[in-house]
């Protein structure tokens, strides 16, 4: 090994030309600065097949977060607070639905505002809807208003009560189109919990109408809105 003749450390890598000449040291000090004392020549620099390394000192240091345009997050102990710059596991806290995408496109999972994962058939609680009304005639009667452009009402439960003397059937309507029927015997009723929610047409109200007039038929529905 050779020495540089300067304050740099004397340990280093010896580079020697194929002809045994122009041996030079490349030294690294304790803070990662590389010192090169070197020209390595087969011929004069600039001529054919010349190899030339300039005689300069090049600082070498570990990349920083700012130089990488990245955030460096240290590990944390189990049970400790989540760092403010840490990243979740692909979920986003929401108080409203994300914009619907199309088949095969990537999207993200969502949670409510306290991190509870949203799983179908239910939605975030801000999207829950319900409606109740009564009728004594067979006219279509409103239960839940239209949810807006591109948004449907999903019905998960229905209850009916007939206090009159006439047995009837209650039609749960998508606008004016029947999408479910529930029996309402005279002096009786029914409660239906739907394992698969009934999806209404986008931007369409949920109504009900009885097949026979009875005084009085009460109807309630519950569900949520979504794309």
Protein backbone atom coordinates (compact mmCIF):
# COMPACT_ATOMS: atom_id res chain seq x y z
CA UNK A 1 0.00 0.00 0.00
CA UNK A 2 1.16 3.56 -0.67
CA UNK A 3 0.46 6.79 1.19
CA UNK A 4 -0.98 10.04 -0.06
CA UNK A 5 1.44 12.33 1.71
CA UNK A 6 -1.55 14.31 3.13
CA UNK A 7 -3.70 14.17 6.25
CA UNK A 8 -5.91 11.53 4.65
CA UNK A 9 -5.67 7.99 6.00
CA UNK A 10 -2.88 5.90 4.64
CA UNK A 11 -5.03 2.85 4.01
CA UNK A 12 -6.63 2.44 0.65
CA UNK A 13 -7.00 0.61 -2.62
CA UNK A 14 -3.96 0.40 -4.87
CA UNK A 15 -4.68 0.75 -8.58
CA UNK A 16 -1.82 -0.19 -10.90
CA UNK A 17 -1.58 0.01 -14.66
CA UNK A 18 -1.09 -3.18 -16.71
CA UNK A 19 2.48 -2.16 -17.42
CA UNK A 20 3.29 -1.90 -13.73
CA UNK A 21 3.47 1.87 -13.79
CA UNK A 22 1.31 4.74 -12.61
CA UNK A 23 0.32 3.01 -9.38
CA UNK A 24 -2.05 5.26 -7.39
CA UNK A 25 -3.97 5.06 -4.13
CA UNK A 26 -7.69 5.67 -3.64
CA UNK A 27 -8.27 6.34 0.04
CA UNK A 28 -11.39 6.79 2.11
CA UNK A 29 -11.41 8.61 5.41
CA UNK A 30 -13.74 8.00 8.37
CA UNK A 31 -16.44 10.43 7.19
CA UNK A 32 -16.78 8.87 3.78
CA UNK A 33 -14.69 11.27 1.68
CA UNK A 34 -12.91 9.54 -1.15
CA UNK A 35 -9.47 10.90 -1.99
CA UNK A 36 -8.12 10.07 -5.40
CA UNK A 37 -4.56 10.81 -6.34
CA UNK A 38 -4.66 9.58 -9.78
CA UNK A 39 -4.11 9.64 -13.41
CA UNK A 40 -4.24 6.21 -14.94
CA UNK A 41 -2.83 6.35 -18.44
CA UNK A 42 -2.28 3.84 -21.16
CA UNK A 43 -1.43 6.74 -23.40
CA UNK A 44 -1.59 10.49 -23.07
CA UNK A 45 -5.08 11.64 -21.94
CA UNK A 46 -7.11 12.56 -24.98
CA UNK A 47 -5.42 10.07 -27.29
CA UNK A 48 -6.85 6.81 -28.54
CA UNK A 49 -7.72 4.31 -25.77
CA UNK A 50 -6.80 6.82 -23.07
CA UNK A 51 -8.13 6.30 -19.56
CA UNK A 52 -7.95 9.32 -17.33
CA UNK A 53 -9.15 9.91 -13.75
CA UNK A 54 -8.77 13.49 -12.62
CA UNK A 55 -6.89 14.26 -9.44
CA UNK A 56 -9.86 15.39 -7.30
CA UNK A 57 -11.41 14.60 -3.96
CA UNK A 58 -15.06 13.52 -4.27
CA UNK A 59 -17.22 13.52 -1.12
CA UNK A 60 -19.36 10.42 -0.85
CA UNK A 61 -22.24 10.48 1.62
CA UNK A 62 -25.44 8.62 2.37
CA UNK A 63 -28.49 9.98 0.50
CA UNK A 64 -30.84 12.07 2.60
CA UNK A 65 -34.64 12.20 2.49
CA UNK A 66 -34.53 15.63 0.87
CA UNK A 67 -32.13 14.54 -1.86
CA UNK A 68 -34.35 11.56 -2.65
CA UNK A 69 -37.57 13.60 -2.48
CA UNK A 70 -38.84 10.98 -0.04
CA UNK A 71 -40.02 10.65 3.54
CA UNK A 72 -37.96 8.45 5.82
CA UNK A 73 -40.10 6.89 8.55
CA UNK A 74 -38.35 5.24 11.48
CA UNK A 75 -39.70 2.02 12.91
CA UNK A 76 -41.79 2.28 16.06
CA UNK A 77 -42.28 -0.09 18.93
CA UNK A 78 -45.42 -2.24 19.08
CA UNK A 79 -48.20 -0.38 20.87
CA UNK A 80 -46.69 3.04 20.33
CA UNK A 81 -48.45 5.94 18.64
CA UNK A 82 -48.57 5.84 14.85
CA UNK A 83 -46.06 8.37 13.43
CA UNK A 84 -47.68 11.38 11.78
CA UNK A 85 -45.86 10.57 8.52
CA UNK A 86 -46.56 6.84 8.47
CA UNK A 87 -48.65 5.27 5.75
CA UNK A 88 -51.76 3.12 6.29
CA UNK A 89 -52.28 -0.30 4.75
CA UNK A 90 -54.24 0.90 1.74
CA UNK A 91 -57.36 2.22 3.48
CA UNK A 92 -58.75 5.76 3.53
CA UNK A 93 -60.95 7.27 6.24
CA UNK A 94 -64.13 8.70 4.69
CA UNK A 95 -67.35 10.47 5.62
CA UNK A 96 -68.59 10.13 2.03
CA UNK A 97 -68.12 7.59 -0.74
CA UNK A 98 -65.12 7.75 -3.06
CA UNK A 99 -65.81 8.30 -6.75
CA UNK A 100 -66.84 5.04 -8.39
CA UNK A 101 -64.35 3.55 -10.83
CA UNK A 102 -64.84 0.84 -13.45
CA UNK A 103 -64.08 -2.87 -13.62
CA UNK A 104 -60.36 -3.82 -13.48
CA UNK A 105 -59.26 -0.37 -12.26
CA UNK A 106 -57.34 -0.04 -9.00
CA UNK A 107 -59.06 1.49 -6.01
CA UNK A 108 -58.55 1.61 -2.22
CA UNK A 109 -60.36 0.22 0.78
CA UNK A 110 -62.25 2.68 2.97
CA UNK A 111 -63.02 3.02 6.66
CA UNK A 112 -65.26 5.29 8.69
CA UNK A 113 -63.72 8.26 10.49
CA UNK A 114 -62.44 6.13 13.38
CA UNK A 115 -60.84 3.47 11.19
CA UNK A 116 -63.56 0.79 11.12
CA UNK A 117 -63.39 -0.97 7.78
CA UNK A 118 -66.46 -0.66 5.55
CA UNK A 119 -67.64 -4.05 4.28
CA UNK A 120 -70.64 -4.69 2.03
CA UNK A 121 -73.59 -4.93 2.30
CA UNK A 122 -73.30 -1.97 4.65
CA UNK A 123 -71.86 1.48 4.10
CA UNK A 124 -70.40 4.28 6.18
CA UNK A 125 -73.01 5.55 8.61
CA UNK A 126 -73.31 8.93 6.87
CA UNK A 127 -74.89 7.04 3.96
CA UNK A 128 -77.55 5.21 5.98
CA UNK A 129 -81.10 6.12 4.98
CA UNK A 130 -84.56 5.32 6.31
CA UNK A 131 -88.13 6.30 5.67
CA UNK A 132 -91.61 5.77 7.14
CA UNK A 133 -95.09 6.68 5.98
CA UNK A 134 -98.68 5.52 6.08
CA UNK A 135 -101.56 5.26 3.65
CA UNK A 136 -105.28 4.59 3.59
CA UNK A 137 -105.55 4.40 -0.21
CA UNK A 138 -103.78 2.53 -2.98
CA UNK A 139 -101.93 5.61 -4.19
CA UNK A 140 -98.12 5.55 -4.39
CA UNK A 141 -96.67 7.02 -1.19
CA UNK A 142 -93.12 8.29 -0.60
CA UNK A 143 -90.66 6.53 1.70
CA UNK A 144 -87.13 7.68 0.70
CA UNK A 145 -86.33 10.48 -1.72
CA UNK A 146 -84.06 10.08 -4.75
CA UNK A 147 -80.39 9.87 -3.76
CA UNK A 148 -79.02 12.04 -6.59
CA UNK A 149 -77.40 11.56 -9.98
CA UNK A 150 -75.58 8.23 -10.26
CA UNK A 151 -76.55 7.20 -6.71
CA UNK A 152 -79.02 4.44 -5.79
CA UNK A 153 -80.98 3.59 -2.66
CA UNK A 154 -80.23 0.13 -1.24
CA UNK A 155 -82.97 -1.33 0.97
CA UNK A 156 -81.91 -3.76 3.71
CA UNK A 157 -85.07 -4.05 5.82
CA UNK A 158 -88.83 -3.49 5.51
CA UNK A 159 -91.60 -3.48 8.08
CA UNK A 160 -95.34 -3.17 7.50
CA UNK A 161 -98.28 -2.92 9.88
CA UNK A 162 -101.95 -3.05 8.87
CA UNK A 163 -104.30 -1.74 11.54
CA UNK A 164 -107.34 -2.02 9.24
CA UNK A 165 -109.79 -4.84 8.63
CA UNK A 166 -108.73 -5.51 5.03
CA UNK A 167 -105.84 -7.83 4.20
CA UNK A 168 -103.54 -6.39 1.56
CA UNK A 169 -100.14 -6.63 -0.08
CA UNK A 170 -97.65 -3.78 0.18
CA UNK A 171 -95.61 -3.11 -2.96
CA UNK A 172 -92.19 -1.56 -2.30
CA UNK A 173 -91.58 0.57 -5.35
CA UNK A 174 -88.57 1.79 -7.30
CA UNK A 175 -90.24 5.02 -8.34
CA UNK A 176 -93.51 3.56 -9.63
CA UNK A 177 -92.15 0.06 -10.41
CA UNK A 178 -92.69 -2.72 -7.86
CA UNK A 179 -89.40 -4.24 -6.70
CA UNK A 180 -90.57 -6.18 -3.61
CA UNK A 181 -93.88 -7.28 -2.05
CA UNK A 182 -94.76 -7.83 1.60
CA UNK A 183 -97.99 -9.33 2.93
CA UNK A 184 -100.00 -7.20 5.37
CA UNK A 185 -102.82 -9.25 6.92
CA UNK A 186 -105.73 -7.45 8.56
CA UNK A 187 -104.72 -6.43 12.06
CA UNK A 188 -101.21 -7.75 11.48
CA UNK A 189 -97.92 -7.04 9.75
CA UNK A 190 -94.48 -8.31 8.84
CA UNK A 191 -90.78 -7.52 9.27
CA UNK A 192 -88.36 -8.48 6.50
CA UNK A 193 -84.57 -8.42 6.79
CA UNK A 194 -82.97 -8.77 3.39
CA UNK A 195 -79.75 -10.86 3.15
CA UNK A 196 -79.12 -9.23 -0.21
CA UNK A 197 -80.05 -5.52 -0.34
CA UNK A 198 -82.53 -4.38 -2.95
CA UNK A 199 -80.84 -1.87 -5.24
CA UNK A 200 -83.03 0.85 -6.70
CA UNK A 201 -82.48 2.71 -9.93
CA UNK A 202 -80.03 5.61 -9.65
CA UNK A 203 -81.59 8.92 -8.67
CA UNK A 204 -84.99 7.29 -8.07
CA UNK A 205 -87.19 7.52 -4.98
CA UNK A 206 -88.41 4.55 -2.94
CA UNK A 207 -92.19 4.48 -2.55
CA UNK A 208 -94.90 2.03 -1.54
CA UNK A 209 -98.45 1.29 -2.58
CA UNK A 210 -101.02 -1.18 -1.25
CA UNK A 211 -103.08 -3.46 -3.48
CA UNK A 212 -106.16 -2.88 -1.32
CA UNK A 213 -107.12 0.16 0.69
CA UNK A 214 -107.09 -0.38 4.44
CA UNK A 215 -107.21 2.03 7.33
CA UNK A 216 -104.34 2.37 8.10
CA UNK A 217 -101.23 0.70 6.58
CA UNK A 218 -97.86 1.76 7.99
CA UNK A 219 -94.60 1.04 6.13
CA UNK A 220 -90.96 1.61 7.13
CA UNK A 221 -87.77 0.86 5.21
CA UNK A 222 -84.07 1.24 6.00
CA UNK A 223 -80.90 0.95 3.99
CA UNK A 224 -78.09 3.05 2.54
CA UNK A 225 -77.06 4.89 -0.61
CA UNK A 226 -74.28 4.03 -3.00
CA UNK A 227 -73.20 3.83 -6.62
